[in-house]
Amino acid sequence: MTVLKLMGPWPVLVIAGLLEVTWAVGLKASDGFKRPVASSVTVIAMIGSLYLLALALRELPVSTGYAVWTGIGALGTAVVGMAFLGEPRSALRVASILLIVAGIIGLRVATGARG
């Protein structure tokens, strides 16, 4: 049984998005691929993220799947940056993150039972 059949496309897409966060943060941690462990984690997360995105897109519209995947990546990376990397936490940044969340929820609702 495949992971897609076991979990369904939405959980697979969420995991793909979380792996996108991992590799985006990993790019920073790898210091331009100068650090072998961080670089390895980054590349593995990239491959896993793209693989799971491809699986989810078997059942989800590409416009929805890709937008949600990038939204999760942007949202998660921004939150990690603010929480752990000392990036600014302005009201405008937080409001913008909330708009990304609203967009992800809206796409999920709009997709309905198809996904």
Protein backbone atom coordinates (compact mmCIF):
# COMPACT_ATOMS: atom_id res chain seq x y z
CA MET A 1 0.00 0.00 0.00
CA THR A 2 1.39 3.39 -0.95
CA VAL A 3 1.64 6.35 1.40
CA LEU A 4 -0.91 8.19 -0.75
CA LYS A 5 -3.50 5.42 -0.39
CA LEU A 6 -2.77 5.08 3.31
CA MET A 7 -2.94 8.76 4.24
CA GLY A 8 -4.72 10.56 1.41
CA PRO A 9 -3.44 13.52 -0.60
CA TRP A 10 -3.88 16.29 2.00
CA PRO A 11 -1.74 14.80 4.80
CA VAL A 12 0.88 13.88 2.19
CA LEU A 13 0.82 17.47 0.92
CA VAL A 14 1.19 18.85 4.45
CA ILE A 15 4.22 16.63 5.09
CA ALA A 16 5.69 17.74 1.75
CA GLY A 17 5.21 21.35 2.87
CA LEU A 18 6.88 20.69 6.21
CA LEU A 19 9.82 19.14 4.40
CA GLU A 20 9.96 22.29 2.29
CA VAL A 21 10.33 24.28 5.51
CA THR A 22 13.11 21.88 6.56
CA TRP A 23 15.09 22.38 3.38
CA ALA A 24 14.55 26.13 3.29
CA VAL A 25 15.90 26.49 6.83
CA GLY A 26 18.55 23.91 5.98
CA LEU A 27 19.85 26.14 3.21
CA LYS A 28 20.63 28.76 5.84
CA ALA A 29 22.14 26.19 8.22
CA SER A 30 24.29 24.63 5.48
CA ASP A 31 26.14 27.94 4.98
CA GLY A 32 26.21 27.64 1.22
CA PHE A 33 26.59 23.84 1.37
CA LYS A 34 29.81 24.19 3.38
CA ARG A 35 28.49 22.14 6.31
CA PRO A 36 28.16 18.46 5.34
CA VAL A 37 25.48 17.36 7.83
CA ALA A 38 23.22 20.36 7.27
CA SER A 39 23.78 20.06 3.53
CA SER A 40 22.83 16.38 3.56
CA VAL A 41 19.67 17.03 5.57
CA THR A 42 18.77 19.83 3.17
CA VAL A 43 19.16 17.71 0.05
CA ILE A 44 17.25 14.75 1.57
CA ALA A 45 14.42 17.09 2.62
CA MET A 46 14.33 18.58 -0.90
CA ILE A 47 14.01 15.18 -2.51
CA GLY A 48 11.40 14.02 0.00
CA SER A 49 9.39 17.21 -0.34
CA LEU A 50 9.27 17.05 -4.13
CA TYR A 51 8.47 13.33 -4.09
CA LEU A 52 5.55 13.77 -1.69
CA LEU A 53 4.30 16.80 -3.64
CA ALA A 54 4.33 14.69 -6.80
CA LEU A 55 2.34 11.97 -5.02
CA ALA A 56 -0.25 14.44 -3.71
CA LEU A 57 -0.64 15.93 -7.19
CA ARG A 58 -1.84 12.56 -8.46
CA GLU A 59 -5.15 13.33 -6.74
CA LEU A 60 -5.16 17.11 -6.22
CA PRO A 61 -5.37 19.84 -8.85
CA VAL A 62 -1.89 21.18 -9.56
CA SER A 63 -3.02 24.75 -8.91
CA THR A 64 -4.23 23.83 -5.44
CA GLY A 65 -1.44 21.42 -4.53
CA TYR A 66 1.40 23.67 -5.60
CA ALA A 67 -0.10 26.77 -3.99
CA VAL A 68 -0.68 24.97 -0.69
CA TRP A 69 2.81 23.42 -0.77
CA THR A 70 4.48 26.77 -1.32
CA GLY A 71 2.15 28.39 1.21
CA ILE A 72 3.10 25.90 3.90
CA GLY A 73 6.75 26.42 3.02
CA ALA A 74 6.49 30.20 3.18
CA LEU A 75 4.42 30.15 6.36
CA GLY A 76 6.64 27.66 8.16
CA THR A 77 9.88 29.27 7.08
CA ALA A 78 8.69 32.71 8.19
CA VAL A 79 7.59 31.35 11.58
CA VAL A 80 10.88 29.50 12.11
CA GLY A 81 12.81 32.61 11.08
CA MET A 82 10.94 34.78 13.57
CA ALA A 83 10.93 32.22 16.38
CA PHE A 84 14.48 30.89 16.14
CA LEU A 85 16.59 32.99 13.78
CA GLY A 86 15.99 36.45 15.16
CA GLU A 87 14.06 37.74 12.17
CA PRO A 88 11.74 40.74 12.69
CA ARG A 89 8.26 40.15 14.18
CA SER A 90 6.35 43.16 12.96
CA ALA A 91 2.58 43.37 12.87
CA LEU A 92 2.68 43.53 9.06
CA ARG A 93 4.71 40.30 8.87
CA VAL A 94 2.32 38.50 11.21
CA ALA A 95 -0.72 39.80 9.29
CA SER A 96 0.86 38.63 6.03
CA ILE A 97 1.44 35.16 7.50
CA LEU A 98 -2.21 35.04 8.55
CA LEU A 99 -3.19 35.84 4.96
CA ILE A 100 -1.15 32.85 3.79
CA VAL A 101 -3.01 30.68 6.33
CA ALA A 102 -6.33 32.02 5.04
CA GLY A 103 -5.28 31.21 1.48
CA ILE A 104 -4.32 27.64 2.39
CA ILE A 105 -7.63 27.10 4.19
CA GLY A 106 -9.53 28.68 1.30
CA LEU A 107 -7.89 26.38 -1.23
CA ARG A 108 -8.64 23.34 0.91
CA VAL A 109 -12.30 24.32 1.22
CA ALA A 110 -12.55 25.14 -2.49
CA THR A 111 -11.11 21.74 -3.43
CA GLY A 112 -13.78 19.99 -1.36
CA ALA A 113 -14.32 16.27 -1.72
CA ARG A 114 -12.09 16.02 -4.81
CA GLY A 115 -9.02 15.85 -2.60
